[in-house]
Structures are given as C-alpha cells and as structure tokens.
Amino acid sequence: QVQLVESGGGLIQAGASLRLTCEGSGRTFSAYAVAWFRQAQGQEREFVASISWSSALTNYAVSVKDRFTISRDNTKNTMYLQMSSLKPEDSAVYYCAARFGPSRRAEEYNYWGQGTQVTVSS
C-alpha cells in the first residue's frame, strides 16, 4: 500500500511556471507507475500525465504536451509535475495517483492523494 501527498499548488498568473510535488510513503512506491490527474470545478477528472516505475515511459494529455513535464525520484519517493506556460484553463485540483503499470484511466488507479489546487489568473 502507498499513501500520496501532493503539494506545490497555488495562485499564479498566466504564462508562469509551477512545480507540483507528490510524495509517496511506503517501501513499494518505486514499484508503482504514478500519474497526475486534474479536476476543474463542475467537470470530470481528466488525465494529465503518467510515468512508469523506471521513468522509461511517460505519457501526456494532448492539452499539456510540450508544456508539462512529469518526472520522479525513487530515492526520495517523490514524483513531480513541472508546468510551464500555464493557462487559465489549467486551473483545477491536481491529484497524484498510483498503480502497477501506467494508465490514462482514472478508474484503474488504486491510490490517490488529497489534491492540490492550482489557479491560473488571466
């Protein structure tokens, strides 16, 4: 089992950059694929990016590709989402999630963090 805690969210202007962090607890964190999802108010949760346990495989939503970068440091049980060129439509609660094997489907993830709010002002 793994517990996840996100941090790094906040209020930021359009065009700026922000880095989110997801810290995992438990000795098996490095065995899990991890991902970022986001949910804007009144909308469904959507896939943002995922990374395999070894960092060999990454996957991005079209809407964030070339602006966001997902990475992880298994020595620190930590995963990151570097976000640049932020847009107001990127505003949402961002969640990290973990499962064995990467996926774009939220329903396939077993473990979730509590979320961190990102608000991008125009």
PDB file of N, CA and C in Angstrom:
ATOM      1  N   GLN A   1       0.847  -1.188   0.000  1.00  0.00           N
ATOM      2  CA  GLN A   1       0.000   0.000   0.000  1.00  0.00           C
ATOM      3  C   GLN A   1       0.880   1.234   0.000  1.00  0.00           C
ATOM      4  N   VAL A   2       0.380   2.316  -0.578  1.00  0.00           N
ATOM      5  CA  VAL A   2       1.128   3.557  -0.632  1.00  0.00           C
ATOM      6  C   VAL A   2       0.180   4.716  -0.345  1.00  0.00           C
ATOM      7  N   GLN A   3       0.686   5.693   0.364  1.00  0.00           N
ATOM      8  CA  GLN A   3      -0.062   6.923   0.615  1.00  0.00           C
ATOM      9  C   GLN A   3       0.614   8.060  -0.144  1.00  0.00           C
ATOM     10  N   LEU A   4      -0.186   8.957  -0.683  1.00  0.00           N
ATOM     11  CA  LEU A   4       0.319  10.020  -1.548  1.00  0.00           C
ATOM     12  C   LEU A   4      -0.108  11.379  -0.997  1.00  0.00           C
ATOM     13  N   VAL A   5       0.813  12.331  -1.041  1.00  0.00           N
ATOM     14  CA  VAL A   5       0.522  13.682  -0.578  1.00  0.00           C
ATOM     15  C   VAL A   5       1.055  14.673  -1.613  1.00  0.00           C
ATOM     16  N   GLU A   6       0.144  15.491  -2.141  1.00  0.00           N
ATOM     17  CA  GLU A   6       0.538  16.492  -3.126  1.00  0.00           C
ATOM     18  C   GLU A   6       0.841  17.819  -2.446  1.00  0.00           C
ATOM     19  N   SER A   7       1.681  18.608  -3.102  1.00  0.00           N
ATOM     20  CA  SER A   7       1.975  19.962  -2.635  1.00  0.00           C
ATOM     21  C   SER A   7       2.433  20.787  -3.816  1.00  0.00           C
ATOM     22  N   GLY A   8       2.480  22.102  -3.611  1.00  0.00           N
ATOM     23  CA  GLY A   8       3.014  22.991  -4.626  1.00  0.00           C
ATOM     24  C   GLY A   8       1.994  23.810  -5.379  1.00  0.00           C
ATOM     25  N   GLY A   9       0.729  23.574  -5.133  1.00  0.00           N
ATOM     26  CA  GLY A   9      -0.294  24.337  -5.819  1.00  0.00           C
ATOM     27  C   GLY A   9      -0.352  25.778  -5.318  1.00  0.00           C
ATOM     28  N   GLY A  10      -1.132  26.593  -6.033  1.00  0.00           N
ATOM     29  CA  GLY A  10      -1.286  27.985  -5.620  1.00  0.00           C
ATOM     30  C   GLY A  10      -1.918  28.814  -6.709  1.00  0.00           C
ATOM     31  N   LEU A  11      -1.916  30.126  -6.474  1.00  0.00           N
ATOM     32  CA  LEU A  11      -2.451  31.100  -7.427  1.00  0.00           C
ATOM     33  C   LEU A  11      -1.291  31.669  -8.225  1.00  0.00           C
ATOM     34  N   ILE A  12      -1.408  31.638  -9.536  1.00  0.00           N
ATOM     35  CA  ILE A  12      -0.306  32.042 -10.385  1.00  0.00           C
ATOM     36  C   ILE A  12      -0.862  32.696 -11.646  1.00  0.00           C
ATOM     37  N   GLN A  13      -0.079  33.595 -12.245  1.00  0.00           N
ATOM     38  CA  GLN A  13      -0.525  34.294 -13.439  1.00  0.00           C
ATOM     39  C   GLN A  13      -0.296  33.452 -14.687  1.00  0.00           C
ATOM     40  N   ALA A  14      -1.113  33.698 -15.678  1.00  0.00           N
ATOM     41  CA  ALA A  14      -0.966  33.007 -16.962  1.00  0.00           C
ATOM     42  C   ALA A  14       0.426  33.254 -17.538  1.00  0.00           C
ATOM     43  N   GLY A  15       0.984  32.192 -18.096  1.00  0.00           N
ATOM     44  CA  GLY A  15       2.315  32.278 -18.680  1.00  0.00           C
ATOM     45  C   GLY A  15       3.435  31.880 -17.751  1.00  0.00           C
ATOM     46  N   ALA A  16       3.137  31.800 -16.466  1.00  0.00           N
ATOM     47  CA  ALA A  16       4.153  31.459 -15.472  1.00  0.00           C
ATOM     48  C   ALA A  16       4.325  29.945 -15.368  1.00  0.00           C
ATOM     49  N   SER A  17       5.260  29.560 -14.506  1.00  0.00           N
ATOM     50  CA  SER A  17       5.550  28.145 -14.288  1.00  0.00           C
ATOM     51  C   SER A  17       5.300  27.776 -12.832  1.00  0.00           C
ATOM     52  N   LEU A  18       5.060  26.484 -12.606  1.00  0.00           N
ATOM     53  CA  LEU A  18       4.798  25.984 -11.260  1.00  0.00           C
ATOM     54  C   LEU A  18       5.196  24.515 -11.231  1.00  0.00           C
ATOM     55  N   ARG A  19       5.720  24.067 -10.097  1.00  0.00           N
ATOM     56  CA  ARG A  19       6.062  22.658  -9.960  1.00  0.00           C
ATOM     57  C   ARG A  19       5.255  22.031  -8.830  1.00  0.00           C
ATOM     58  N   LEU A  20       4.565  20.968  -9.165  1.00  0.00           N
ATOM     59  CA  LEU A  20       3.836  20.191  -8.172  1.00  0.00           C
ATOM     60  C   LEU A  20       4.684  19.006  -7.738  1.00  0.00           C
ATOM     61  N   THR A  21       4.514  18.638  -6.480  1.00  0.00           N
ATOM     62  CA  THR A  21       5.235  17.506  -5.909  1.00  0.00           C
ATOM     63  C   THR A  21       4.246  16.517  -5.321  1.00  0.00           C
ATOM     64  N   CYS A  22       4.538  15.251  -5.517  1.00  0.00           N
ATOM     65  CA  CYS A  22       3.741  14.181  -4.915  1.00  0.00           C
ATOM     66  C   CYS A  22       4.705  13.286  -4.145  1.00  0.00           C
ATOM     67  N   GLU A  23       4.542  13.242  -2.837  1.00  0.00           N
ATOM     68  CA  GLU A  23       5.385  12.396  -2.002  1.00  0.00           C
ATOM     69  C   GLU A  23       4.644  11.124  -1.637  1.00  0.00           C
ATOM     70  N   GLY A  24       5.314   9.996  -1.849  1.00  0.00           N
ATOM     71  CA  GLY A  24       4.717   8.713  -1.533  1.00  0.00           C
ATOM     72  C   GLY A  24       5.343   8.108  -0.301  1.00  0.00           C
ATOM     73  N   SER A  25       4.545   7.425   0.485  1.00  0.00           N
ATOM     74  CA  SER A  25       5.056   6.712   1.649  1.00  0.00           C
ATOM     75  C   SER A  25       4.981   5.221   1.382  1.00  0.00           C
ATOM     76  N   GLY A  26       5.847   4.477   2.031  1.00  0.00           N
ATOM     77  CA  GLY A  26       5.850   3.042   1.835  1.00  0.00           C
ATOM     78  C   GLY A  26       7.030   2.608   0.984  1.00  0.00           C
ATOM     79  N   ARG A  27       7.515   1.427   1.280  1.00  0.00           N
ATOM     80  CA  ARG A  27       8.716   0.939   0.616  1.00  0.00           C
ATOM     81  C   ARG A  27       8.479   0.569  -0.827  1.00  0.00           C
ATOM     82  N   THR A  28       7.215   0.420  -1.240  1.00  0.00           N
ATOM     83  CA  THR A  28       6.932  -0.044  -2.592  1.00  0.00           C
ATOM     84  C   THR A  28       6.643   1.067  -3.573  1.00  0.00           C
ATOM     85  N   PHE A  29       6.814   2.323  -3.146  1.00  0.00           N
ATOM     86  CA  PHE A  29       6.486   3.436  -4.045  1.00  0.00           C
ATOM     87  C   PHE A  29       7.199   3.298  -5.378  1.00  0.00           C
ATOM     88  N   SER A  30       8.446   2.895  -5.360  1.00  0.00           N
ATOM     89  CA  SER A  30       9.232   2.814  -6.587  1.00  0.00           C
ATOM     90  C   SER A  30       8.716   1.745  -7.543  1.00  0.00           C
ATOM     91  N   ALA A  31       7.875   0.849  -7.057  1.00  0.00           N
ATOM     92  CA  ALA A  31       7.346  -0.213  -7.907  1.00  0.00           C
ATOM     93  C   ALA A  31       6.108   0.221  -8.688  1.00  0.00           C
ATOM     94  N   TYR A  32       5.537   1.349  -8.319  1.00  0.00           N
ATOM     95  CA  TYR A  32       4.293   1.803  -8.914  1.00  0.00           C
ATOM     96  C   TYR A  32       4.526   2.780 -10.059  1.00  0.00           C
ATOM     97  N   ALA A  33       3.675   2.677 -11.073  1.00  0.00           N
ATOM     98  CA  ALA A  33       3.523   3.778 -12.004  1.00  0.00           C
ATOM     99  C   ALA A  33       2.713   4.859 -11.294  1.00  0.00           C
ATOM    100  N   VAL A  34       3.008   6.097 -11.586  1.00  0.00           N
ATOM    101  CA  VAL A  34       2.291   7.205 -10.957  1.00  0.00           C
ATOM    102  C   VAL A  34       1.829   8.182 -12.021  1.00  0.00           C
ATOM    103  N   ALA A  35       0.816   8.919 -11.701  1.00  0.00           N
ATOM    104  CA  ALA A  35       0.206   9.807 -12.686  1.00  0.00           C
ATOM    105  C   ALA A  35      -0.349  11.048 -12.012  1.00  0.00           C
ATOM    106  N   TRP A  36      -0.579  12.066 -12.828  1.00  0.00           N
ATOM    107  CA  TRP A  36      -1.294  13.265 -12.408  1.00  0.00           C
ATOM    108  C   TRP A  36      -2.625  13.312 -13.155  1.00  0.00           C
ATOM    109  N   PHE A  37      -3.660  13.609 -12.408  1.00  0.00           N
ATOM    110  CA  PHE A  37      -4.969  13.903 -12.961  1.00  0.00           C
ATOM    111  C   PHE A  37      -5.376  15.278 -12.451  1.00  0.00           C
ATOM    112  N   ARG A  38      -6.359  15.868 -13.102  1.00  0.00           N
ATOM    113  CA  ARG A  38      -6.874  17.142 -12.613  1.00  0.00           C
ATOM    114  C   ARG A  38      -8.385  17.186 -12.784  1.00  0.00           C
ATOM    115  N   GLN A  39      -8.996  17.981 -11.928  1.00  0.00           N
ATOM    116  CA  GLN A  39     -10.445  18.114 -11.980  1.00  0.00           C
ATOM    117  C   GLN A  39     -10.811  19.564 -11.751  1.00  0.00           C
ATOM    118  N   ALA A  40     -11.358  20.189 -12.782  1.00  0.00           N
ATOM    119  CA  ALA A  40     -11.851  21.551 -12.662  1.00  0.00           C
ATOM    120  C   ALA A  40     -13.260  21.505 -12.090  1.00  0.00           C
ATOM    121  N   GLN A  41     -13.673  22.606 -11.504  1.00  0.00           N
ATOM    122  CA  GLN A  41     -14.980  22.654 -10.872  1.00  0.00           C
ATOM    123  C   GLN A  41     -16.072  22.338 -11.878  1.00  0.00           C
ATOM    124  N   GLY A  42     -16.921  21.410 -11.532  1.00  0.00           N
ATOM    125  CA  GLY A  42     -18.036  21.046 -12.382  1.00  0.00           C
ATOM    126  C   GLY A  42     -17.686  20.149 -13.549  1.00  0.00           C
ATOM    127  N   GLN A  43     -16.434  19.697 -13.595  1.00  0.00           N
ATOM    128  CA  GLN A  43     -16.007  18.849 -14.696  1.00  0.00           C
ATOM    129  C   GLN A  43     -15.495  17.505 -14.180  1.00  0.00           C
ATOM    130  N   GLU A  44     -15.375  16.556 -15.087  1.00  0.00           N
ATOM    131  CA  GLU A  44     -14.868  15.249 -14.719  1.00  0.00           C
ATOM    132  C   GLU A  44     -13.355  15.291 -14.542  1.00  0.00           C
ATOM    133  N   ARG A  45     -12.868  14.333 -13.759  1.00  0.00           N
ATOM    134  CA  ARG A  45     -11.432  14.224 -13.575  1.00  0.00           C
ATOM    135  C   ARG A  45     -10.792  13.787 -14.895  1.00  0.00           C
ATOM    136  N   GLU A  46      -9.691  14.435 -15.254  1.00  0.00           N
ATOM    137  CA  GLU A  46      -9.051  14.118 -16.525  1.00  0.00           C
ATOM    138  C   GLU A  46      -7.565  13.804 -16.346  1.00  0.00           C
ATOM    139  N   PHE A  47      -7.089  12.948 -17.203  1.00  0.00           N
ATOM    140  CA  PHE A  47      -5.690  12.542 -17.208  1.00  0.00           C
ATOM    141  C   PHE A  47      -4.802  13.704 -17.638  1.00  0.00           C
ATOM    142  N   VAL A  48      -3.662  13.839 -16.962  1.00  0.00           N
ATOM    143  CA  VAL A  48      -2.687  14.864 -17.318  1.00  0.00           C
ATOM    144  C   VAL A  48      -1.398  14.211 -17.825  1.00  0.00           C
ATOM    145  N   ALA A  49      -0.810  13.351 -17.005  1.00  0.00           N
ATOM    146  CA  ALA A  49       0.464  12.728 -17.379  1.00  0.00           C
ATOM    147  C   ALA A  49       0.697  11.510 -16.504  1.00  0.00           C
ATOM    148  N   SER A  50       1.486  10.564 -17.024  1.00  0.00           N
ATOM    149  CA  SER A  50       1.861   9.396 -16.236  1.00  0.00           C
ATOM    150  C   SER A  50       3.315   9.045 -16.495  1.00  0.00           C
ATOM    151  N   ILE A  51       3.888   8.292 -15.562  1.00  0.00           N
ATOM    152  CA  ILE A  51       5.284   7.875 -15.684  1.00  0.00           C
ATOM    153  C   ILE A  51       5.407   6.475 -15.098  1.00  0.00           C
ATOM    154  N   SER A  52       6.150   5.626 -15.767  1.00  0.00           N
ATOM    155  CA  SER A  52       6.330   4.261 -15.295  1.00  0.00           C
ATOM    156  C   SER A  52       7.277   4.222 -14.106  1.00  0.00           C
ATOM    157  N   TRP A  53       7.378   3.048 -13.471  1.00  0.00           N
ATOM    158  CA  TRP A  53       8.176   2.950 -12.257  1.00  0.00           C
ATOM    159  C   TRP A  53       9.642   3.307 -12.500  1.00  0.00           C
ATOM    160  N   SER A  54      10.136   2.998 -13.702  1.00  0.00           N
ATOM    161  CA  SER A  54      11.552   3.230 -14.012  1.00  0.00           C
ATOM    162  C   SER A  54      11.797   4.562 -14.700  1.00  0.00           C
ATOM    163  N   SER A  55      10.741   5.321 -14.949  1.00  0.00           N
ATOM    164  CA  SER A  55      10.794   6.584 -15.712  1.00  0.00           C
ATOM    165  C   SER A  55      11.015   6.370 -17.196  1.00  0.00           C
ATOM    166  N   ALA A  56      11.021   5.124 -17.650  1.00  0.00           N
ATOM    167  CA  ALA A  56      11.278   4.853 -19.062  1.00  0.00           C
ATOM    168  C   ALA A  56      10.112   5.275 -19.947  1.00  0.00           C
ATOM    169  N   LEU A  57       8.912   5.221 -19.393  1.00  0.00           N
ATOM    170  CA  LEU A  57       7.720   5.541 -20.186  1.00  0.00           C
ATOM    171  C   LEU A  57       6.999   6.727 -19.571  1.00  0.00           C
ATOM    172  N   THR A  58       6.751   7.731 -20.385  1.00  0.00           N
ATOM    173  CA  THR A  58       5.920   8.850 -19.969  1.00  0.00           C
ATOM    174  C   THR A  58       4.823   9.054 -20.999  1.00  0.00           C
ATOM    175  N   ASN A  59       3.728   9.613 -20.537  1.00  0.00           N
ATOM    176  CA  ASN A  59       2.582   9.815 -21.406  1.00  0.00           C
ATOM    177  C   ASN A  59       1.907  11.117 -20.974  1.00  0.00           C
ATOM    178  N   TYR A  60       1.429  11.881 -21.942  1.00  0.00           N
ATOM    179  CA  TYR A  60       0.835  13.174 -21.640  1.00  0.00           C
ATOM    180  C   TYR A  60      -0.494  13.348 -22.354  1.00  0.00           C
ATOM    181  N   ALA A  61      -1.364  14.107 -21.744  1.00  0.00           N
ATOM    182  CA  ALA A  61      -2.557  14.561 -22.437  1.00  0.00           C
ATOM    183  C   ALA A  61      -2.138  15.559 -23.512  1.00  0.00           C
ATOM    184  N   VAL A  62      -2.875  15.586 -24.597  1.00  0.00           N
ATOM    185  CA  VAL A  62      -2.551  16.482 -25.701  1.00  0.00           C
ATOM    186  C   VAL A  62      -2.537  17.934 -25.235  1.00  0.00           C
ATOM    187  N   SER A  63      -3.431  18.263 -24.312  1.00  0.00           N
ATOM    188  CA  SER A  63      -3.580  19.643 -23.872  1.00  0.00           C
ATOM    189  C   SER A  63      -2.379  20.161 -23.090  1.00  0.00           C
ATOM    190  N   VAL A  64      -1.534  19.251 -22.577  1.00  0.00           N
ATOM    191  CA  VAL A  64      -0.392  19.700 -21.776  1.00  0.00           C
ATOM    192  C   VAL A  64       0.945  19.312 -22.380  1.00  0.00           C
ATOM    193  N   LYS A  65       0.909  18.507 -23.400  1.00  0.00           N
ATOM    194  CA  LYS A  65       2.160  18.042 -24.014  1.00  0.00           C
ATOM    195  C   LYS A  65       2.973  19.250 -24.476  1.00  0.00           C
ATOM    196  N   ASP A  66       4.239  19.217 -24.258  1.00  0.00           N
ATOM    197  CA  ASP A  66       5.199  20.282 -24.590  1.00  0.00           C
ATOM    198  C   ASP A  66       5.146  21.450 -23.608  1.00  0.00           C
ATOM    199  N   ARG A  67       4.237  21.427 -22.643  1.00  0.00           N
ATOM    200  CA  ARG A  67       4.220  22.454 -21.598  1.00  0.00           C
ATOM    201  C   ARG A  67       4.500  21.866 -20.216  1.00  0.00           C
ATOM    202  N   PHE A  68       4.081  20.628 -19.999  1.00  0.00           N
ATOM    203  CA  PHE A  68       4.254  19.973 -18.706  1.00  0.00           C
ATOM    204  C   PHE A  68       5.279  18.852 -18.834  1.00  0.00           C
ATOM    205  N   THR A  69       6.013  18.610 -17.763  1.00  0.00           N
ATOM    206  CA  THR A  69       6.967  17.513 -17.717  1.00  0.00           C
ATOM    207  C   THR A  69       6.794  16.745 -16.413  1.00  0.00           C
ATOM    208  N   ILE A  70       6.586  15.441 -16.538  1.00  0.00           N
ATOM    209  CA  ILE A  70       6.466  14.577 -15.369  1.00  0.00           C
ATOM    210  C   ILE A  70       7.803  13.884 -15.131  1.00  0.00           C
ATOM    211  N   SER A  71       8.171  13.748 -13.872  1.00  0.00           N
ATOM    212  CA  SER A  71       9.413  13.074 -13.528  1.00  0.00           C
ATOM    213  C   SER A  71       9.275  12.476 -12.133  1.00  0.00           C
ATOM    214  N   ARG A  72      10.224  11.651 -11.757  1.00  0.00           N
ATOM    215  CA  ARG A  72      10.187  11.058 -10.421  1.00  0.00           C
ATOM    216  C   ARG A  72      11.594  10.791  -9.939  1.00  0.00           C
ATOM    217  N   ASP A  73      11.714  10.726  -8.621  1.00  0.00           N
ATOM    218  CA  ASP A  73      12.966  10.379  -7.972  1.00  0.00           C
ATOM    219  C   ASP A  73      12.640   9.295  -6.959  1.00  0.00           C
ATOM    220  N   ASN A  74      12.901   8.059  -7.340  1.00  0.00           N
ATOM    221  CA  ASN A  74      12.528   6.945  -6.467  1.00  0.00           C
ATOM    222  C   ASN A  74      13.366   6.901  -5.183  1.00  0.00           C
ATOM    223  N   THR A  75      14.530   7.534  -5.195  1.00  0.00           N
ATOM    224  CA  THR A  75      15.332   7.576  -3.964  1.00  0.00           C
ATOM    225  C   THR A  75      14.677   8.456  -2.912  1.00  0.00           C
ATOM    226  N   LYS A  76      13.803   9.345  -3.363  1.00  0.00           N
ATOM    227  CA  LYS A  76      13.095  10.242  -2.453  1.00  0.00           C
ATOM    228  C   LYS A  76      11.610   9.925  -2.370  1.00  0.00           C
ATOM    229  N   ASN A  77      11.170   8.850  -3.033  1.00  0.00           N
ATOM    230  CA  ASN A  77       9.735   8.509  -3.074  1.00  0.00           C
ATOM    231  C   ASN A  77       8.905   9.712  -3.519  1.00  0.00           C
ATOM    232  N   THR A  78       9.361  10.395  -4.543  1.00  0.00           N
ATOM    233  CA  THR A  78       8.728  11.642  -4.948  1.00  0.00           C
ATOM    234  C   THR A  78       8.526  11.685  -6.454  1.00  0.00           C
ATOM    235  N   MET A  79       7.421  12.290  -6.838  1.00  0.00           N
ATOM    236  CA  MET A  79       7.100  12.493  -8.246  1.00  0.00           C
ATOM    237  C   MET A  79       6.804  13.970  -8.441  1.00  0.00           C
ATOM    238  N   TYR A  80       7.119  14.494  -9.607  1.00  0.00           N
ATOM    239  CA  TYR A  80       6.974  15.917  -9.881  1.00  0.00           C
ATOM    240  C   TYR A  80       6.172  16.155 -11.158  1.00  0.00           C
ATOM    241  N   LEU A  81       5.553  17.331 -11.200  1.00  0.00           N
ATOM    242  CA  LEU A  81       4.950  17.807 -12.433  1.00  0.00           C
ATOM    243  C   LEU A  81       5.406  19.242 -12.616  1.00  0.00           C
ATOM    244  N   GLN A  82       6.297  19.454 -13.568  1.00  0.00           N
ATOM    245  CA  GLN A  82       6.749  20.791 -13.896  1.00  0.00           C
ATOM    246  C   GLN A  82       5.814  21.356 -14.947  1.00  0.00           C
ATOM    247  N   MET A  83       5.159  22.454 -14.608  1.00  0.00           N
ATOM    248  CA  MET A  83       4.180  23.063 -15.500  1.00  0.00           C
ATOM    249  C   MET A  83       4.693  24.411 -15.953  1.00  0.00           C
ATOM    250  N   SER A  84       4.677  24.658 -17.245  1.00  0.00           N
ATOM    251  CA  SER A  84       5.109  25.941 -17.779  1.00  0.00           C
ATOM    252  C   SER A  84       4.056  26.480 -18.735  1.00  0.00           C
ATOM    253  N   SER A  85       4.203  27.746 -19.065  1.00  0.00           N
ATOM    254  CA  SER A  85       3.244  28.409 -19.968  1.00  0.00           C
ATOM    255  C   SER A  85       1.812  28.136 -19.524  1.00  0.00           C
ATOM    256  N   LEU A  86       1.552  28.316 -18.257  1.00  0.00           N
ATOM    257  CA  LEU A  86       0.250  27.983 -17.710  1.00  0.00           C
ATOM    258  C   LEU A  86      -0.840  28.874 -18.278  1.00  0.00           C
ATOM    259  N   LYS A  87      -2.018  28.279 -18.441  1.00  0.00           N
ATOM    260  CA  LYS A  87      -3.172  28.956 -18.993  1.00  0.00           C
ATOM    261  C   LYS A  87      -4.308  28.915 -17.965  1.00  0.00           C
ATOM    262  N   PRO A  88      -5.249  29.846 -18.064  1.00  0.00           N
ATOM    263  CA  PRO A  88      -6.387  29.805 -17.134  1.00  0.00           C
ATOM    264  C   PRO A  88      -7.123  28.457 -17.178  1.00  0.00           C
ATOM    265  N   GLU A  89      -7.162  27.825 -18.331  1.00  0.00           N
ATOM    266  CA  GLU A  89      -7.853  26.534 -18.436  1.00  0.00           C
ATOM    267  C   GLU A  89      -7.104  25.394 -17.755  1.00  0.00           C
ATOM    268  N   ASP A  90      -5.890  25.643 -17.287  1.00  0.00           N
ATOM    269  CA  ASP A  90      -5.172  24.653 -16.488  1.00  0.00           C
ATOM    270  C   ASP A  90      -5.609  24.681 -15.018  1.00  0.00           C
ATOM    271  N   SER A  91      -6.430  25.640 -14.646  1.00  0.00           N
ATOM    272  CA  SER A  91      -6.902  25.742 -13.272  1.00  0.00           C
ATOM    273  C   SER A  91      -7.732  24.518 -12.905  1.00  0.00           C
ATOM    274  N   ALA A  92      -7.371  23.893 -11.804  1.00  0.00           N
ATOM    275  CA  ALA A  92      -8.054  22.677 -11.368  1.00  0.00           C
ATOM    276  C   ALA A  92      -7.423  22.206 -10.060  1.00  0.00           C
ATOM    277  N   VAL A  93      -8.051  21.225  -9.455  1.00  0.00           N
ATOM    278  CA  VAL A  93      -7.398  20.482  -8.378  1.00  0.00           C
ATOM    279  C   VAL A  93      -6.593  19.366  -9.044  1.00  0.00           C
ATOM    280  N   TYR A  94      -5.329  19.303  -8.704  1.00  0.00           N
ATOM    281  CA  TYR A  94      -4.432  18.305  -9.296  1.00  0.00           C
ATOM    282  C   TYR A  94      -4.215  17.184  -8.285  1.00  0.00           C
ATOM    283  N   TYR A  95      -4.395  15.956  -8.761  1.00  0.00           N
ATOM    284  CA  TYR A  95      -4.258  14.768  -7.926  1.00  0.00           C
ATOM    285  C   TYR A  95      -3.139  13.886  -8.466  1.00  0.00           C
ATOM    286  N   CYS A  96      -2.385  13.274  -7.560  1.00  0.00           N
ATOM    287  CA  CYS A  96      -1.485  12.220  -7.994  1.00  0.00           C
ATOM    288  C   CYS A  96      -2.109  10.879  -7.635  1.00  0.00           C
ATOM    289  N   ALA A  97      -1.745   9.879  -8.408  1.00  0.00           N
ATOM    290  CA  ALA A  97      -2.331   8.560  -8.253  1.00  0.00           C
ATOM    291  C   ALA A  97      -1.283   7.508  -8.584  1.00  0.00           C
ATOM    292  N   ALA A  98      -1.473   6.311  -8.058  1.00  0.00           N
ATOM    293  CA  ALA A  98      -0.500   5.242  -8.257  1.00  0.00           C
ATOM    294  C   ALA A  98      -1.192   3.918  -8.541  1.00  0.00           C
ATOM    295  N   ARG A  99      -0.537   3.114  -9.359  1.00  0.00           N
ATOM    296  CA  ARG A  99      -0.997   1.758  -9.658  1.00  0.00           C
ATOM    297  C   ARG A  99       0.180   0.986 -10.236  1.00  0.00           C
ATOM    298  N   PHE A 100       0.020  -0.305 -10.370  1.00  0.00           N
ATOM    299  CA  PHE A 100       1.036  -1.108 -11.056  1.00  0.00           C
ATOM    300  C   PHE A 100       0.802  -0.996 -12.555  1.00  0.00           C
ATOM    301  N   GLY A 101       1.726  -0.357 -13.246  1.00  0.00           N
ATOM    302  CA  GLY A 101       1.591  -0.183 -14.681  1.00  0.00           C
ATOM    303  C   GLY A 101       0.887   1.111 -15.016  1.00  0.00           C
ATOM    304  N   PRO A 102       1.432   1.926 -15.916  1.00  0.00           N
ATOM    305  CA  PRO A 102       0.821   3.215 -16.235  1.00  0.00           C
ATOM    306  C   PRO A 102      -0.493   3.067 -16.986  1.00  0.00           C
ATOM    307  N   SER A 103      -1.366   4.028 -16.799  1.00  0.00           N
ATOM    308  CA  SER A 103      -2.657   4.053 -17.463  1.00  0.00           C
ATOM    309  C   SER A 103      -3.141   5.482 -17.555  1.00  0.00           C
ATOM    310  N   ARG A 104      -4.018   5.744 -18.515  1.00  0.00           N
ATOM    311  CA  ARG A 104      -4.637   7.055 -18.655  1.00  0.00           C
ATOM    312  C   ARG A 104      -6.020   7.080 -17.999  1.00  0.00           C
ATOM    313  N   ARG A 105      -6.451   5.959 -17.473  1.00  0.00           N
ATOM    314  CA  ARG A 105      -7.807   5.827 -16.958  1.00  0.00           C
ATOM    315  C   ARG A 105      -7.815   5.964 -15.441  1.00  0.00           C
ATOM    316  N   ALA A 106      -8.543   6.959 -14.962  1.00  0.00           N
ATOM    317  CA  ALA A 106      -8.567   7.225 -13.525  1.00  0.00           C
ATOM    318  C   ALA A 106      -9.103   6.030 -12.739  1.00  0.00           C
ATOM    319  N   GLU A 107     -10.073   5.335 -13.292  1.00  0.00           N
ATOM    320  CA  GLU A 107     -10.710   4.229 -12.560  1.00  0.00           C
ATOM    321  C   GLU A 107      -9.769   3.057 -12.350  1.00  0.00           C
ATOM    322  N   GLU A 108      -8.636   3.057 -13.027  1.00  0.00           N
ATOM    323  CA  GLU A 108      -7.680   1.962 -12.877  1.00  0.00           C
ATOM    324  C   GLU A 108      -6.635   2.225 -11.797  1.00  0.00           C
ATOM    325  N   TYR A 109      -6.669   3.389 -11.198  1.00  0.00           N
ATOM    326  CA  TYR A 109      -5.688   3.726 -10.165  1.00  0.00           C
ATOM    327  C   TYR A 109      -6.221   3.370  -8.787  1.00  0.00           C
ATOM    328  N   ASN A 110      -5.341   2.760  -8.000  1.00  0.00           N
ATOM    329  CA  ASN A 110      -5.734   2.243  -6.689  1.00  0.00           C
ATOM    330  C   ASN A 110      -5.563   3.267  -5.567  1.00  0.00           C
ATOM    331  N   TYR A 111      -4.565   4.126  -5.714  1.00  0.00           N
ATOM    332  CA  TYR A 111      -4.208   5.030  -4.630  1.00  0.00           C
ATOM    333  C   TYR A 111      -4.227   6.468  -5.136  1.00  0.00           C
ATOM    334  N   TRP A 112      -4.734   7.348  -4.266  1.00  0.00           N
ATOM    335  CA  TRP A 112      -4.893   8.754  -4.629  1.00  0.00           C
ATOM    336  C   TRP A 112      -4.447   9.647  -3.485  1.00  0.00           C
ATOM    337  N   GLY A 113      -3.921  10.818  -3.871  1.00  0.00           N
ATOM    338  CA  GLY A 113      -3.674  11.848  -2.886  1.00  0.00           C
ATOM    339  C   GLY A 113      -4.913  12.691  -2.682  1.00  0.00           C
ATOM    340  N   GLN A 114      -4.789  13.702  -1.821  1.00  0.00           N
ATOM    341  CA  GLN A 114      -5.936  14.538  -1.472  1.00  0.00           C
ATOM    342  C   GLN A 114      -6.119  15.705  -2.433  1.00  0.00           C
ATOM    343  N   GLY A 115      -5.121  15.976  -3.266  1.00  0.00           N
ATOM    344  CA  GLY A 115      -5.221  17.030  -4.263  1.00  0.00           C
ATOM    345  C   GLY A 115      -4.610  18.341  -3.818  1.00  0.00           C
ATOM    346  N   THR A 116      -4.188  19.129  -4.792  1.00  0.00           N
ATOM    347  CA  THR A 116      -3.668  20.471  -4.540  1.00  0.00           C
ATOM    348  C   THR A 116      -4.244  21.399  -5.602  1.00  0.00           C
ATOM    349  N   GLN A 117      -4.716  22.559  -5.159  1.00  0.00           N
ATOM    350  CA  GLN A 117      -5.403  23.493  -6.051  1.00  0.00           C
ATOM    351  C   GLN A 117      -4.397  24.326  -6.830  1.00  0.00           C
ATOM    352  N   VAL A 118      -4.607  24.403  -8.130  1.00  0.00           N
ATOM    353  CA  VAL A 118      -3.848  25.301  -8.987  1.00  0.00           C
ATOM    354  C   VAL A 118      -4.833  26.260  -9.637  1.00  0.00           C
ATOM    355  N   THR A 119      -4.606  27.544  -9.467  1.00  0.00           N
ATOM    356  CA  THR A 119      -5.456  28.560 -10.063  1.00  0.00           C
ATOM    357  C   THR A 119      -4.592  29.488 -10.898  1.00  0.00           C
ATOM    358  N   VAL A 120      -4.927  29.597 -12.182  1.00  0.00           N
ATOM    359  CA  VAL A 120      -4.162  30.429 -13.101  1.00  0.00           C
ATOM    360  C   VAL A 120      -5.022  31.623 -13.485  1.00  0.00           C
ATOM    361  N   SER A 121      -4.559  32.804 -13.148  1.00  0.00           N
ATOM    362  CA  SER A 121      -5.313  34.010 -13.444  1.00  0.00           C
ATOM    363  C   SER A 121      -4.873  34.582 -14.790  1.00  0.00           C
ATOM    364  N   SER A 122      -5.816  35.186 -15.481  1.00  0.00           N
ATOM    365  CA  SER A 122      -5.526  35.740 -16.810  1.00  0.00           C
ATOM    366  C   SER A 122      -5.022  37.164 -16.708  1.00  0.00           C
TER     367      SER A 122
END
